Structures are given as structure tokens and as C-alpha cells.
Protein backbone atom coordinates (compact mmCIF):
# COMPACT_ATOMS: atom_id res chain seq x y z
CA MET A 1 -12.09 18.16 -5.71
CA GLN A 2 -14.00 15.85 -3.54
CA PRO A 3 -12.16 15.34 -0.23
CA SER A 4 -10.61 11.89 0.49
CA ILE A 5 -11.76 9.78 3.35
CA ALA A 6 -8.52 10.49 5.08
CA LEU A 7 -9.11 14.28 5.01
CA LEU A 8 -12.68 13.74 6.25
CA ARG A 9 -11.60 11.60 9.04
CA ALA A 10 -8.92 14.02 9.98
CA VAL A 11 -11.43 16.87 10.23
CA SER A 12 -13.60 14.60 12.39
CA LEU A 13 -10.80 13.73 14.62
CA PHE A 14 -9.61 17.38 15.01
CA ALA A 15 -13.12 18.30 16.21
CA CYS A 16 -13.11 15.45 18.72
CA VAL A 17 -9.51 15.41 19.66
CA ALA A 18 -10.14 16.49 23.24
CA LEU A 19 -12.78 13.75 23.84
CA LEU A 20 -10.57 11.13 22.26
CA ALA A 21 -7.59 12.18 24.40
CA SER A 22 -9.56 11.55 27.48
CA CYS A 23 -10.40 8.10 26.28
CA ASN A 24 -6.66 7.10 26.81
CA GLY A 25 -6.49 5.07 23.53
CA THR A 26 -9.77 3.13 24.02
CA PRO A 27 -11.78 1.96 20.85
CA LEU A 28 -13.53 4.64 18.90
CA LYS A 29 -16.98 3.94 20.11
CA GLU A 30 -19.31 5.46 22.75
CA PRO A 31 -19.31 4.05 26.32
CA PRO A 32 -21.66 1.08 26.84
CA PRO A 33 -25.06 1.64 28.59
CA ALA A 34 -25.01 1.95 32.39
CA PRO A 35 -25.23 -1.35 34.24
CA SER A 36 -28.84 -0.54 35.25
CA ALA A 37 -29.90 -0.60 31.71
CA PRO A 38 -27.92 -3.29 29.84
CA SER A 39 -28.12 -3.57 26.16
CA SER A 40 -27.04 -6.22 23.71
CA SER A 41 -26.37 -3.95 20.84
CA THR A 42 -22.89 -2.43 20.44
CA LYS A 43 -22.58 1.35 20.32
CA TYR A 44 -20.17 2.78 17.71
CA TYR A 45 -18.24 6.03 17.52
CA LYS A 46 -20.58 8.90 16.26
CA ASP A 47 -22.73 7.44 13.34
CA ASP A 48 -20.06 4.96 12.19
CA GLY A 49 -20.45 1.19 12.43
CA PRO A 50 -21.30 -1.73 10.31
CA GLY A 51 -24.00 -1.43 7.76
CA GLU A 52 -27.59 -2.32 8.53
CA SER A 53 -27.68 -5.17 5.93
CA PRO A 54 -24.20 -6.70 5.76
CA PRO A 55 -23.51 -9.33 2.99
CA ALA A 56 -24.82 -12.76 3.92
CA ASN A 57 -21.36 -14.23 3.10
CA LEU A 58 -19.47 -11.70 5.22
CA ASP A 59 -17.31 -14.46 6.62
CA ALA A 60 -16.63 -15.87 3.25
CA ILE A 61 -15.23 -12.66 1.56
CA PRO A 62 -11.89 -13.58 0.22
CA ASP A 63 -8.65 -11.96 1.08
CA ALA A 64 -7.21 -9.32 -1.19
CA VAL A 65 -4.99 -10.91 -3.89
CA PRO A 66 -1.58 -9.14 -4.12
CA ARG A 67 -0.53 -7.91 -7.44
CA LEU A 68 2.00 -5.54 -8.76
CA GLU A 69 0.24 -2.11 -9.42
CA PRO A 70 1.47 1.21 -10.45
CA LEU A 71 1.88 3.48 -7.29
CA ASN A 72 -0.36 6.49 -7.26
CA ARG A 73 1.34 9.60 -8.46
CA PHE A 74 -0.27 11.86 -5.83
CA ALA A 75 -1.15 9.80 -2.83
CA ASN A 76 2.49 9.05 -1.80
CA ARG A 77 3.52 12.66 -1.21
CA PRO A 78 4.49 14.01 2.28
CA TYR A 79 1.55 15.44 4.15
CA THR A 80 0.53 16.88 7.45
CA VAL A 81 -2.46 16.03 9.66
CA LEU A 82 -3.21 17.46 13.12
CA GLY A 83 0.22 19.05 13.21
CA LYS A 84 2.09 15.81 12.47
CA ASP A 85 4.17 15.30 9.36
CA TYR A 86 3.88 12.03 7.43
CA VAL A 87 6.40 10.85 4.77
CA PRO A 88 4.88 7.89 2.83
CA ALA A 89 7.10 5.27 1.21
CA THR A 90 7.48 5.65 -2.47
CA SER A 91 8.58 1.99 -3.18
CA LEU A 92 7.57 -1.47 -2.11
CA ARG A 93 9.80 -2.52 0.79
CA PRO A 94 9.80 -4.81 3.78
CA TYR A 95 7.71 -3.47 6.67
CA LYS A 96 6.66 -5.07 9.90
CA GLU A 97 5.08 -3.38 12.95
CA ARG A 98 3.04 -4.33 15.92
CA GLY A 99 0.41 -1.98 17.32
CA ILE A 100 -3.26 -1.18 17.64
CA ALA A 101 -5.65 -1.54 14.61
CA SER A 102 -9.00 0.32 14.43
CA TRP A 103 -11.56 0.11 11.72
CA TYR A 104 -13.94 2.32 9.87
CA GLY A 105 -17.36 1.65 8.45
CA ARG A 106 -20.66 3.13 7.04
CA LYS A 107 -19.72 6.77 7.74
CA PHE A 108 -17.28 6.59 4.97
CA HIS A 109 -18.84 3.83 2.79
CA GLY A 110 -18.93 4.99 -0.82
CA GLN A 111 -16.57 7.96 -0.50
CA LYS A 112 -13.24 8.46 -2.02
CA THR A 113 -10.11 7.04 -0.52
CA SER A 114 -6.75 8.85 -0.74
CA ASN A 115 -5.90 6.51 -3.69
CA GLY A 116 -9.03 7.61 -5.55
CA ASP A 117 -10.90 4.39 -5.05
CA THR A 118 -14.40 4.20 -3.77
CA TYR A 119 -14.38 2.98 -0.20
CA ASP A 120 -16.19 -0.33 0.30
CA MET A 121 -16.45 -1.36 3.90
CA TYR A 122 -17.18 -4.94 2.80
CA ALA A 123 -13.91 -5.29 0.76
CA MET A 124 -10.60 -6.34 2.26
CA THR A 125 -8.89 -2.96 2.39
CA ALA A 126 -7.11 -0.75 4.88
CA ALA A 127 -5.71 2.73 5.56
CA HIS A 128 -2.22 3.30 6.68
CA PRO A 129 -0.18 6.59 7.32
CA THR A 130 2.86 5.68 5.32
CA LEU A 131 2.65 2.40 3.32
CA PRO A 132 2.74 3.21 -0.43
CA LEU A 133 -0.73 3.37 -2.16
CA PRO A 134 -1.69 1.01 -3.42
CA SER A 135 0.12 -1.92 -1.70
CA TYR A 136 -0.73 -5.04 0.21
CA ALA A 137 -0.22 -6.14 3.82
CA ARG A 138 -1.08 -9.02 6.10
CA VAL A 139 -2.71 -8.03 9.37
CA THR A 140 -2.66 -10.59 12.19
CA ASN A 141 -4.55 -10.45 15.33
CA ALA A 142 -1.72 -10.67 17.97
CA SER A 143 -4.08 -12.48 20.45
CA THR A 144 -5.52 -15.14 18.29
CA GLY A 145 -3.31 -15.48 15.28
CA ARG A 146 -6.20 -14.89 12.82
CA SER A 147 -4.99 -13.02 9.89
CA VAL A 148 -6.20 -11.28 6.66
CA VAL A 149 -4.65 -9.83 3.47
CA VAL A 150 -5.71 -6.27 2.73
CA ARG A 151 -5.14 -3.85 -0.03
CA VAL A 152 -3.84 -0.59 1.40
CA ASN A 153 -5.59 2.22 -0.53
CA ASP A 154 -6.26 5.05 2.06
CA ARG A 155 -4.45 7.08 4.58
CA GLY A 156 -4.96 7.00 8.40
CA PRO A 157 -5.43 6.39 11.20
CA PHE A 158 -4.28 9.64 12.80
CA LEU A 159 -4.44 8.67 16.51
CA HIS A 160 -1.01 8.13 18.05
CA ASP A 161 -1.54 4.72 19.23
CA ARG A 162 -3.06 3.20 16.02
CA ILE A 163 -1.02 1.88 13.14
CA ILE A 164 -3.75 0.76 10.74
CA ASP A 165 -7.43 1.34 10.02
CA LEU A 166 -9.11 -1.74 8.58
CA SER A 167 -12.30 -2.01 6.58
CA TYR A 168 -15.28 -3.51 8.56
CA ALA A 169 -14.85 -6.79 6.55
CA ALA A 170 -11.18 -7.11 7.40
CA ALA A 171 -11.81 -6.30 11.23
CA ASN A 172 -14.53 -8.78 11.23
CA ARG A 173 -12.26 -11.38 9.61
CA ILE A 174 -9.55 -11.16 12.42
CA GLY A 175 -12.12 -10.66 15.28
CA THR A 176 -11.57 -6.96 16.20
CA ALA A 177 -14.76 -5.45 14.80
CA ALA A 178 -16.95 -5.83 17.88
CA LYS A 179 -14.36 -4.35 20.15
CA GLY A 180 -13.54 -1.44 17.90
CA SER A 181 -9.74 -1.98 18.00
CA GLY A 182 -7.21 -4.73 18.77
CA GLU A 183 -3.41 -5.43 18.90
CA VAL A 184 -2.21 -6.62 15.46
CA ILE A 185 1.02 -7.34 13.56
CA VAL A 186 1.20 -5.53 10.10
CA GLU A 187 3.53 -7.02 7.48
CA ALA A 188 3.99 -5.59 3.97
CA ILE A 189 3.49 -8.04 1.13
CA ILE A 190 5.64 -7.55 -1.97
CA PRO A 191 3.81 -9.49 -4.74
CA GLY A 192 6.02 -12.37 -5.86
CA GLU A 193 8.21 -11.90 -2.79
CA GLY A 194 11.26 -14.13 -2.96
CA THR A 195 11.73 -13.17 -6.55
CA LEU A 196 11.33 -9.35 -6.54
CA VAL A 197 14.32 -8.08 -4.63
CA ALA A 198 16.41 -4.91 -4.19
CA ALA A 199 20.10 -5.34 -5.19
CA ALA A 200 22.35 -4.21 -2.41
CA PRO A 201 23.30 -1.35 -1.87
CA LEU A 202 20.45 -0.07 -4.16
CA PRO A 203 17.04 0.79 -2.63
CA PRO A 204 13.86 -1.30 -3.02
CA VAL A 205 12.22 -1.45 -6.38
CA VAL A 206 8.70 -0.40 -7.28
CA ALA A 207 6.87 -2.89 -9.46
CA THR A 208 4.25 -1.29 -11.60
CA ALA A 209 1.89 -3.98 -12.95
CA PRO A 210 0.66 -7.59 -12.34
CA LEU A 211 3.06 -10.29 -13.32
CA HIS A 212 0.94 -13.33 -13.23
CA LYS A 213 -1.39 -12.23 -16.12
CA VAL A 214 1.35 -11.80 -18.75
CA GLU A 215 3.08 -14.23 -20.93
CA ALA A 216 6.84 -13.75 -20.60
CA PRO A 217 8.76 -12.80 -23.81
CA PRO A 218 11.53 -15.12 -25.01
CA ALA A 219 14.58 -15.19 -22.71
CA ALA A 220 16.69 -14.01 -25.72
CA THR A 221 15.80 -10.47 -24.95
CA VAL A 222 18.46 -10.41 -22.19
CA SER A 223 20.83 -7.63 -23.29
CA MET A 224 24.44 -8.65 -23.76
CA GLU A 225 25.77 -5.06 -23.74
CA THR A 226 29.09 -4.42 -22.38
CA SER A 227 29.78 -2.10 -19.30
CA GLY A 228 30.07 1.65 -19.78
CA GLY A 229 28.20 4.83 -18.92
CA PHE A 230 25.20 4.86 -16.60
CA SER A 231 21.85 3.08 -16.69
CA VAL A 232 18.49 3.83 -15.11
CA GLN A 233 17.32 0.75 -13.25
CA LEU A 234 13.62 0.05 -12.92
CA GLY A 235 13.68 -3.41 -11.23
CA ALA A 236 15.90 -6.34 -10.26
CA PHE A 237 14.65 -9.98 -10.17
CA GLN A 238 16.22 -13.27 -9.19
CA ASN A 239 15.05 -15.09 -12.27
CA ASN A 240 14.75 -14.08 -15.92
CA SER A 241 11.03 -14.99 -16.26
CA ASN A 242 9.94 -12.47 -13.73
CA ALA A 243 12.20 -9.88 -15.29
CA GLN A 244 10.60 -10.53 -18.79
CA ASN A 245 7.07 -10.31 -17.30
CA PHE A 246 7.98 -6.88 -15.82
CA LEU A 247 9.59 -5.79 -19.00
CA ALA A 248 6.45 -6.59 -20.97
CA HIS A 249 4.47 -4.39 -18.79
CA VAL A 250 6.62 -1.36 -18.82
CA GLN A 251 7.39 -1.37 -22.49
CA GLY A 252 4.07 0.03 -23.48
CA GLN A 253 4.26 2.72 -20.84
CA LEU A 254 7.76 3.81 -21.68
CA ALA A 255 7.21 3.89 -25.41
CA THR A 256 5.55 7.23 -24.98
CA ALA A 257 8.63 8.46 -23.15
CA GLN A 258 10.82 7.38 -26.12
CA VAL A 259 12.97 5.06 -24.07
CA GLU A 260 13.56 1.38 -24.57
CA PRO A 261 13.63 -0.90 -21.47
CA LYS A 262 15.90 -3.91 -21.60
CA VAL A 263 16.92 -6.83 -19.29
CA ARG A 264 20.52 -7.40 -18.28
CA GLU A 265 21.87 -10.16 -16.05
CA MET A 266 24.56 -8.79 -13.60
CA GLY A 267 25.67 -9.99 -10.22
CA GLY A 268 23.19 -12.90 -10.13
CA LEU A 269 20.22 -10.55 -10.80
CA TYR A 270 18.20 -9.81 -13.91
CA ARG A 271 17.88 -6.01 -14.04
CA VAL A 272 15.32 -4.11 -16.04
CA TYR A 273 16.84 -0.83 -17.14
CA VAL A 274 16.82 1.89 -19.74
CA GLY A 275 20.14 3.36 -21.20
CA PRO A 276 23.05 3.36 -20.92
CA TYR A 277 23.85 7.09 -21.03
CA PRO A 278 27.22 8.66 -21.29
CA ASP A 279 27.19 10.36 -17.96
CA ARG A 280 25.39 10.24 -14.59
CA ASN A 281 23.77 13.54 -15.06
CA GLU A 282 21.93 12.56 -18.26
CA ALA A 283 20.85 9.30 -16.70
CA ARG A 284 19.58 11.19 -13.68
CA LYS A 285 17.43 13.47 -15.96
CA VAL A 286 15.89 10.44 -17.52
CA ALA A 287 15.28 8.85 -14.20
CA ASP A 288 13.56 11.95 -12.87
CA ARG A 289 11.39 12.20 -16.05
CA LEU A 290 10.37 8.61 -15.60
CA THR A 291 9.48 9.02 -11.87
CA SER A 292 7.46 12.11 -12.69
CA ALA A 293 5.54 10.60 -15.56
CA PHE A 294 4.92 7.03 -14.35
CA GLY A 295 5.72 6.92 -10.53
CA PHE A 296 8.65 4.63 -11.02
CA ALA A 297 11.22 4.49 -8.12
CA THR A 298 14.35 4.60 -10.37
CA THR A 299 18.07 3.97 -9.43
CA VAL A 300 20.96 5.37 -11.47
CA ALA A 301 24.10 3.22 -11.42
CA PRO A 302 27.08 2.42 -13.46
CA HIS A 303 26.18 0.22 -16.41
């Protein structure tokens, strides 16, 4: 199997860890020329850096457009790099952190990301140690307020003082490319936020497909079943339209698992679920099967 960019970068970091430690968190680029021989060209770490012929419209490359996508079945498992354990999130949930952002460029351009995509340094993407893959985030330059929306599709960075690795295009957008790194604020974006919620005390929900491209089925599909037994919840929404859109997406996938998803209004939320099942153990078996087969973050609750 071809190694991911995250693995290649981890190997590179391991080989250079002593050098980087001596830099005390400075940007990943070589020292500038001595004052006696000034140079106007930026020196980048190793053979990385921007491409020789960047797109003419680099400043006009649009932000990533958040959409609900299935989470990768393999890229969100716990892993260890350079002796440190990482436990990625397995559902979309609120996240906000302030720290140092770095970026990576042509050294990894065209190689596979941890999510299985082909890395494009001119696309609005990023690598993060623990955000679910794929997901979306807004990255804001803490000094200038300039921001960009990126699609998180890779793992990294693995230096202790860096919280996100941006593509060259994204770093250029917020003004940190030339310096190599900069202080940023990273905020997770949940597509349709304000409508996709977790019903307390249940954990956040993983949405598995775009909502804005699907016509909602008639509202009559809201189930009027009475309580009893246990159901496997796949999502919870504040309005029926979004619940119906989500239902339309998962119906095709779940048909192969021989379960029928439905929508039920309860506690002010429209819940997409399968079941009910007579006891919790049976519901849990179904939930585990759906998580294993489709990557759903399921919740078992009394129906």
C-alpha cells in the first residue's frame, strides 16, 4: 500500500527531530542567508515550498464548501507517531483551538493523503491530528483576522507546538505562507450548523452525505410509532426538512444492511433511527454492525 503523506512526513520529522528541536518551534524552513549576502528569495525546509509555476489565480481560489460526507472507515482510528498516541474524533462535533499553523507544499504534491485523496497544494485543504476525516474547519490568522475554510483530509502536523498543517493555497490566503507558520484559530464547521445538533445527553452525530443536493421526501414519512424497546439513532435535527434530506441519503446505503431508517419527532427534535428492537443488546448489535459497515456514529437509546 502506498504510504500516506502523514506517514512520509512523520518519517521525515523523525530523521530531523534533533534539528527541529534546536529550532525551538521556528518555521520549518532553513535559516536565511547571512547579512553579508542578502537574498530576496525565501528558503524553505528541505526541498519543500511552493511550486515553481503556481496558478495565476492563486488569490482567487475559493474556500472549500462544507458538505456532509461519510467519514473514512480507516483514517479515524487511533494511531501513534514519534512515540505519541493520537485518538481522532469519530463524529462531527464542536472544536475550537488556538495555536501555530504550518503548511506543506510541493514535496508532497500529488501523493496520497491519510483520507486517500491526492494531495493538491493549490486546493483549500489541511492536515490535523485528530479532527475526523473528512471534515471542514475555518482557520483564522490570529494577527490579521484573515480566514479560510478548508477541507481536512490528512493527518499531521506532528510537532508539539503546531495544531494544523495547511495547504500552500490556504496558508497563502491567510498570509502565513511566506513566514512558514503563524498563530491561528481553528474552528470545526458542521455543515448546516444550527440545524444539525446532538440531543443531550447523547453524543454528537456523524452526518454521512450532502444535504443541499437532495430533494426532501414528503413530511408524512415522520413515524408515529409509540414508545417501547430500543432504537439506533443515526442523526438528530431541529427541523423535519433536514431530517428528511438525511433520511434520503442513508436509505440507499442501509438497504444493503436490511434495515429501514425512519424519522421520529421527539423532544423537539427530528431523529433519524432504525428499529425499535426489543432489548438493548439487540439494538447494540445492529448499531455496531452499521458503524463497522458504514462508519456511522450511532447511539442506542430507549425508543
